[in-house]
Protein backbone atom coordinates (compact mmCIF):
# COMPACT_ATOMS: atom_id res chain seq x y z
CA MET A 1 143.18 67.63 185.39
CA GLU A 2 145.68 68.93 187.91
CA LYS A 3 144.08 70.77 190.81
CA LYS A 4 145.36 74.31 190.27
CA VAL A 5 144.60 77.40 192.38
CA LEU A 6 145.54 81.05 191.92
CA ILE A 7 146.01 83.16 195.05
CA THR A 8 146.70 86.84 194.48
CA GLY A 9 148.47 88.80 197.19
CA GLY A 10 150.53 85.74 198.10
CA ALA A 11 153.20 87.69 199.98
CA GLY A 12 150.50 89.16 202.22
CA PHE A 13 149.35 87.90 205.61
CA ILE A 14 146.26 85.89 204.67
CA GLY A 15 147.61 84.92 201.25
CA PHE A 16 150.78 83.44 202.75
CA HIS A 17 148.85 81.23 205.19
CA LEU A 18 146.30 80.22 202.57
CA ILE A 19 149.04 79.15 200.16
CA LYS A 20 150.46 76.83 202.83
CA LYS A 21 146.99 75.36 203.44
CA PHE A 22 146.40 74.52 199.78
CA LEU A 23 149.93 73.19 199.34
CA SER A 24 149.50 70.87 202.32
CA ASN A 25 146.42 69.46 200.60
CA ASN A 26 148.33 68.71 197.38
CA TYR A 27 146.99 71.51 195.23
CA PHE A 28 149.22 73.13 192.66
CA VAL A 29 149.32 76.76 193.76
CA ILE A 30 150.37 79.75 191.72
CA SER A 31 150.51 83.16 193.34
CA ILE A 32 151.10 86.74 192.26
CA ASP A 33 151.96 89.87 194.25
CA ASN A 34 153.37 93.29 193.40
CA LEU A 35 155.35 93.42 196.68
CA ASN A 36 154.54 97.07 197.33
CA THR A 37 156.06 99.11 200.15
CA TYR A 38 152.89 99.80 202.17
CA TYR A 39 154.60 98.05 205.08
CA ASP A 40 158.03 96.56 205.77
CA GLN A 41 159.14 94.53 202.76
CA ASN A 42 161.43 92.47 204.98
CA LEU A 43 158.34 90.78 206.41
CA LYS A 44 156.98 90.05 202.94
CA ASN A 45 160.38 88.72 201.88
CA ALA A 46 160.50 86.50 204.96
CA ARG A 47 157.08 85.05 204.15
CA LEU A 48 158.26 84.29 200.61
CA LYS A 49 161.41 82.69 202.01
CA GLU A 50 159.21 80.39 204.11
CA LEU A 51 157.60 79.34 200.83
CA GLY A 52 160.97 78.77 199.19
CA ILE A 53 161.06 81.91 197.07
CA ASP A 54 164.27 83.92 196.85
CA TYR A 55 163.11 87.54 196.76
CA SER A 56 166.46 88.80 195.40
CA LYS A 57 165.99 86.76 192.22
CA LEU A 58 162.47 87.91 191.41
CA ASN A 59 161.93 89.74 188.15
CA TYR A 60 158.75 91.47 187.09
CA LYS A 61 156.41 89.13 185.19
CA LYS A 62 158.89 86.23 185.41
CA ILE A 63 157.68 83.01 187.05
CA SER A 64 159.83 81.85 189.95
CA SER A 65 159.79 78.18 190.90
CA SER A 66 160.03 77.08 194.50
CA SER A 67 162.92 75.26 196.12
CA VAL A 68 160.72 73.98 198.97
CA TYR A 69 157.48 72.99 197.24
CA ASP A 70 157.33 71.30 193.86
CA ASN A 71 153.70 72.37 193.55
CA PHE A 72 154.18 76.12 194.02
CA LEU A 73 155.05 78.92 191.62
CA PHE A 74 155.26 82.66 192.28
CA CYS A 75 155.17 85.60 189.91
CA LYS A 76 155.75 89.30 190.63
CA ILE A 77 152.85 91.05 188.88
CA ASP A 78 150.85 94.16 189.66
CA ILE A 79 147.11 93.60 189.15
CA VAL A 80 146.91 97.12 187.72
CA ASP A 81 148.99 95.90 184.75
CA ASN A 82 146.24 94.41 182.61
CA GLN A 83 148.58 93.27 179.82
CA ALA A 84 150.82 91.37 182.23
CA LEU A 85 147.76 89.76 183.83
CA GLU A 86 146.42 88.58 180.50
CA GLU A 87 149.76 87.09 179.49
CA PHE A 88 149.85 85.31 182.83
CA PHE A 89 146.29 83.94 182.67
CA LYS A 90 146.87 82.59 179.16
CA LEU A 91 149.47 80.22 180.58
CA HIS A 92 147.24 78.58 183.18
CA GLU A 93 143.82 77.09 183.77
CA PHE A 94 142.66 77.59 187.36
CA GLN A 95 139.96 75.63 189.14
CA VAL A 96 139.75 78.31 191.80
CA VAL A 97 140.86 81.97 191.87
CA ILE A 98 141.19 83.59 195.31
CA HIS A 99 141.74 87.31 195.01
CA LEU A 100 143.35 88.85 198.10
CA ALA A 101 145.65 91.44 196.50
CA ALA A 102 144.51 94.94 197.45
CA GLN A 103 145.62 98.15 199.08
CA ALA A 104 144.81 97.58 202.75
CA GLY A 105 144.33 99.94 205.66
CA VAL A 106 141.58 102.35 206.67
CA ARG A 107 143.71 105.26 207.88
CA TYR A 108 146.15 105.05 204.96
CA SER A 109 143.21 105.64 202.61
CA LEU A 110 142.70 109.08 204.15
CA THR A 111 146.09 110.27 202.92
CA ASN A 112 146.76 108.07 199.87
CA PRO A 113 143.42 107.68 198.07
CA GLU A 114 145.02 107.13 194.66
CA GLU A 115 146.52 103.80 195.82
CA TYR A 116 143.03 102.50 196.59
CA THR A 117 141.64 103.67 193.28
CA LYS A 118 144.41 101.83 191.43
CA SER A 119 144.58 98.53 193.32
CA ASN A 120 141.06 98.13 194.67
CA LEU A 121 139.08 99.46 191.72
CA VAL A 122 141.18 99.25 188.55
CA GLY A 123 143.06 96.17 189.73
CA PHE A 124 139.88 94.44 190.86
CA SER A 125 138.22 95.20 187.53
CA ASN A 126 141.22 93.70 185.73
CA ILE A 127 140.93 90.48 187.73
CA LEU A 128 137.20 90.25 186.99
CA GLU A 129 137.96 90.58 183.30
CA MET A 130 140.49 87.76 183.56
CA VAL A 131 138.03 85.34 185.18
CA LYS A 132 135.54 86.31 182.48
CA LYS A 133 137.98 85.58 179.67
CA PHE A 134 139.51 82.54 181.37
CA PRO A 135 136.64 80.89 183.29
CA THR A 136 137.14 79.32 186.69
CA GLN A 137 134.87 77.13 188.81
CA HIS A 138 134.85 79.64 191.68
CA PHE A 139 136.10 83.20 192.16
CA LEU A 140 136.52 84.23 195.80
CA TYR A 141 137.64 87.70 196.85
CA ALA A 142 138.41 89.68 199.99
CA SER A 143 135.84 92.17 201.13
CA SER A 144 135.87 93.68 204.62
CA SER A 145 133.83 94.23 207.76
CA SER A 146 134.43 97.94 207.13
CA VAL A 147 131.60 97.93 204.55
CA TYR A 148 129.14 97.99 207.47
CA GLY A 149 130.22 101.54 208.29
CA LEU A 150 128.43 102.94 211.32
CA ASN A 151 125.84 100.16 211.32
CA LYS A 152 124.28 100.09 214.79
CA LYS A 153 122.61 96.68 214.48
CA ILE A 154 124.67 94.07 216.33
CA PRO A 155 125.87 91.56 215.24
CA PHE A 156 126.51 92.54 211.62
CA CYS A 157 124.55 90.39 209.19
CA GLU A 158 125.08 90.06 205.44
CA GLU A 159 121.62 91.53 204.80
CA ASP A 160 122.36 94.72 206.77
CA ARG A 161 122.72 98.07 205.04
CA THR A 162 126.24 98.65 203.63
CA ASP A 163 125.85 101.79 201.53
CA GLN A 164 127.28 104.28 204.04
CA PRO A 165 131.03 103.61 204.26
CA VAL A 166 133.07 105.88 206.54
CA SER A 167 136.38 105.44 204.70
CA LEU A 168 137.53 105.22 201.10
CA TYR A 169 138.93 101.78 201.83
CA ALA A 170 135.46 100.60 202.87
CA ALA A 171 133.94 102.25 199.79
CA THR A 172 136.29 100.35 197.47
CA LYS A 173 135.44 97.06 199.16
CA LYS A 174 131.72 97.72 198.76
CA ALA A 175 132.39 98.60 195.12
CA ASN A 176 134.11 95.21 194.69
CA GLU A 177 130.97 93.46 195.89
CA ILE A 178 128.77 95.38 193.47
CA MET A 179 131.17 94.83 190.57
CA SER A 180 131.23 91.10 191.32
CA TYR A 181 127.45 90.94 191.34
CA SER A 182 127.29 92.47 187.88
CA TYR A 183 129.81 89.95 186.49
CA SER A 184 127.97 87.06 188.12
CA LYS A 185 124.71 88.28 186.59
CA LEU A 186 126.06 89.06 183.13
CA TYR A 187 128.56 86.24 182.63
CA GLN A 188 127.48 83.52 185.10
CA ILE A 189 130.77 83.74 187.00
CA PRO A 190 130.42 82.04 190.42
CA THR A 191 131.66 84.68 192.89
CA SER A 192 131.90 84.69 196.69
CA GLY A 193 132.88 87.78 198.67
CA LEU A 194 134.34 87.36 202.16
CA ARG A 195 133.91 90.14 204.70
CA PHE A 196 136.96 89.62 206.92
CA PHE A 197 136.79 90.73 210.55
CA THR A 198 140.08 91.92 212.17
CA VAL A 199 142.36 89.04 211.22
CA TYR A 200 145.40 88.53 213.46
CA GLY A 201 148.14 86.01 214.21
CA PRO A 202 151.73 84.99 213.34
CA TRP A 203 153.19 86.65 210.24
CA GLY A 204 150.51 89.35 210.54
CA ARG A 205 150.47 92.88 209.20
CA PRO A 206 152.62 95.34 211.22
CA ASP A 207 150.13 98.17 210.64
CA MET A 208 147.46 96.36 212.69
CA ALA A 209 146.86 97.52 216.28
CA TYR A 210 147.80 94.27 218.04
CA TYR A 211 151.13 94.14 216.17
CA LYS A 212 151.95 97.82 216.74
CA PHE A 213 151.01 97.54 220.40
CA ALA A 214 153.21 94.48 220.96
CA LYS A 215 156.20 96.19 219.35
CA ALA A 216 155.71 99.38 221.37
CA ILE A 217 155.29 97.52 224.66
CA TYR A 218 158.51 95.58 224.10
CA GLU A 219 160.34 98.81 223.26
CA ASP A 220 158.82 100.79 226.15
CA LYS A 221 157.22 103.22 223.73
CA PRO A 222 153.73 104.72 224.11
CA ILE A 223 150.74 103.25 222.32
CA GLU A 224 147.88 105.33 220.92
CA VAL A 225 144.51 104.12 222.19
CA TYR A 226 141.66 105.70 220.23
CA ASN A 227 138.21 106.60 221.55
CA GLN A 228 139.67 106.33 225.07
CA GLY A 229 139.81 102.57 224.54
CA ASN A 230 136.04 102.36 224.21
CA MET A 231 136.07 100.14 221.12
CA LYS A 232 135.37 96.49 220.36
CA ARG A 233 136.71 94.29 217.61
CA ASP A 234 135.76 90.81 216.45
CA PHE A 235 139.37 89.54 216.46
CA THR A 236 139.61 86.45 214.22
CA TYR A 237 142.62 84.15 214.36
CA ILE A 238 144.32 83.41 211.06
CA ASP A 239 143.84 79.63 211.22
CA ASP A 240 140.06 80.05 211.55
CA ILE A 241 140.09 82.39 208.55
CA VAL A 242 142.17 80.04 206.43
CA GLU A 243 140.03 77.03 207.27
CA GLY A 244 136.90 78.96 206.30
CA VAL A 245 138.26 80.23 202.98
CA TYR A 246 139.71 76.83 202.10
CA LYS A 247 136.44 75.00 202.72
CA LEU A 248 134.34 77.62 200.95
CA SER A 249 136.48 77.38 197.82
CA PHE A 250 134.83 74.01 197.12
CA TYR A 251 131.31 75.44 197.38
CA PRO A 252 130.61 77.94 194.59
CA PRO A 253 127.23 79.71 194.70
CA SER A 254 124.39 77.49 193.51
CA ASN A 255 121.96 80.19 192.36
CA LEU A 256 121.72 79.58 188.62
CA GLU A 257 120.35 83.03 187.82
CA VAL A 258 123.04 84.99 189.71
CA PRO A 259 125.79 82.74 191.15
CA TYR A 260 126.83 85.31 193.76
CA GLU A 261 127.20 85.21 197.55
CA ILE A 262 128.55 87.38 200.36
CA TYR A 263 129.74 85.91 203.66
CA ASN A 264 130.91 87.29 206.97
CA ILE A 265 133.99 85.50 208.24
CA GLY A 266 134.79 86.48 211.82
CA ASN A 267 135.07 85.14 215.35
CA ASN A 268 131.47 85.99 216.38
CA SER A 269 132.84 87.26 219.71
CA PRO A 270 133.91 90.93 219.94
CA VAL A 271 136.48 91.92 222.58
CA ASN A 272 137.15 95.34 224.08
CA LEU A 273 140.35 96.99 222.88
CA LEU A 274 141.60 97.43 226.45
CA THR A 275 141.12 93.71 227.10
CA MET A 276 143.32 92.94 224.10
CA ILE A 277 145.99 95.29 225.48
CA GLU A 278 145.79 93.64 228.92
CA ILE A 279 146.40 90.22 227.36
CA LEU A 280 149.43 91.55 225.51
CA GLU A 281 150.79 93.14 228.69
CA LYS A 282 150.56 89.85 230.58
CA LEU A 283 152.13 87.84 227.77
CA ILE A 284 155.00 90.32 227.35
CA GLY A 285 155.41 91.01 231.06
CA LYS A 286 155.32 94.79 230.72
CA THR A 287 152.74 97.51 231.21
CA ALA A 288 151.84 99.54 228.13
CA LYS A 289 152.31 103.30 228.20
CA LYS A 290 148.87 104.32 226.98
CA VAL A 291 148.06 107.62 225.30
CA PHE A 292 144.28 107.98 225.14
CA LEU A 293 142.98 109.82 222.07
CA PRO A 294 139.59 110.58 220.52
CA MET A 295 138.04 108.45 217.77
CA GLN A 296 139.89 108.69 214.47
CA PRO A 297 138.20 109.45 211.12
CA GLY A 298 137.24 106.22 209.36
CA ASP A 299 137.10 104.17 212.59
CA VAL A 300 134.00 102.42 213.93
CA TYR A 301 133.06 101.69 217.53
CA GLU A 302 132.39 97.96 217.22
CA THR A 303 132.61 95.08 214.76
CA TYR A 304 130.74 91.85 215.39
CA ALA A 305 130.24 89.14 212.78
CA ASP A 306 127.10 87.07 212.47
CA VAL A 307 128.62 83.93 210.89
CA GLU A 308 125.45 81.83 210.66
CA LYS A 309 125.37 82.01 206.87
CA LEU A 310 128.92 80.68 206.52
CA ASN A 311 128.19 78.07 209.17
CA LYS A 312 125.22 76.80 207.15
CA ALA A 313 127.28 76.79 203.94
CA ILE A 314 130.40 74.95 205.17
CA GLY A 315 130.03 74.32 208.91
CA TYR A 316 132.26 77.27 209.78
CA LYS A 317 132.91 77.46 213.54
CA PRO A 318 135.80 79.64 214.72
CA SER A 319 137.55 77.96 217.64
CA CYS A 320 140.52 80.11 218.68
CA SER A 321 140.08 82.51 221.61
CA LEU A 322 141.89 85.86 221.65
CA GLN A 323 144.00 84.68 224.59
CA THR A 324 145.22 81.59 222.72
CA GLY A 325 145.66 83.44 219.44
CA LEU A 326 147.75 86.20 221.00
CA GLU A 327 149.89 83.61 222.79
CA LYS A 328 150.69 82.06 219.41
CA PHE A 329 151.32 85.50 217.92
CA ILE A 330 153.72 86.53 220.69
CA ASP A 331 155.63 83.23 220.36
CA TRP A 332 156.15 83.98 216.67
CA PHE A 333 156.80 87.68 217.31
CA ASN A 334 159.63 86.90 219.74
CA SER A 335 161.16 84.41 217.35
CA PHE A 336 160.93 86.71 214.33
CA HIS A 337 162.00 89.99 215.94
CA LYS A 338 164.45 88.48 218.49
CA TYR A 339 163.12 90.43 221.46
CA ASP A 340 163.79 87.58 223.91
């Protein structure tokens, strides 16, 4: 049987890189994305172009073949559209389903809660129904470090309390974990949830702090530094993330009663926000114009991933330092945005 993988959210940051990883290992990859306007569609279009997809020729629910990879297909589908999803799943048999499509962003959830209800709850439920009706060997999905809320125990461990989210986004991600548990228990679907910790790198999301800061520094515009800069993040380079997800896809949960697991996937090395800004300043050769502000609703002071569980499962060991990762990001950033 042909090795076939479904990756939802394929025009997104992690999805784009993960598609390239599976393609390079001779998997047949099919991806779906609704190409929403949460952030600049030109970036999403550029990612698709790198994969050989002509955005201008995409039609809703129509499969588009690739001009670069013979083993890649893309389809514009919204996971909220259950009928379209079912028609799509009937056409394919997937060994692995990796669900990354979701409405991202903590602060955006404060002003647009309905988008999170649709994509992260209804859409996630639709995907679970599809893997129930059309079984797969392993269903992996994106959770988030935000589920830990204001957890004060450092580093964050999978067994820590996660029932006090401080944003709707975090609440929807926790709901995804609970929903997946119920499907694993009821229908023996092997599910693995991945709590991502501040993923960054080339082709990243422009709503993320490191990306916004780089753009503002280049353009001599002020940057907003929350909590007076007194924050730490476990910045995780995209290649470490992709390697972890790729390897884990071959290791479905082995618990026969409830084939369900949750994993942290981070760098296991939090860095102060001001340190990240200093690295950007040196790489760009300009000093940031900082505007110090209080902590924002939905934010947390520190994220720090205990990755021992994932290490035991697949030998996961993140290797990219923030300095090296930001160097690679700035190289791409200059090339893509033509600042130099």
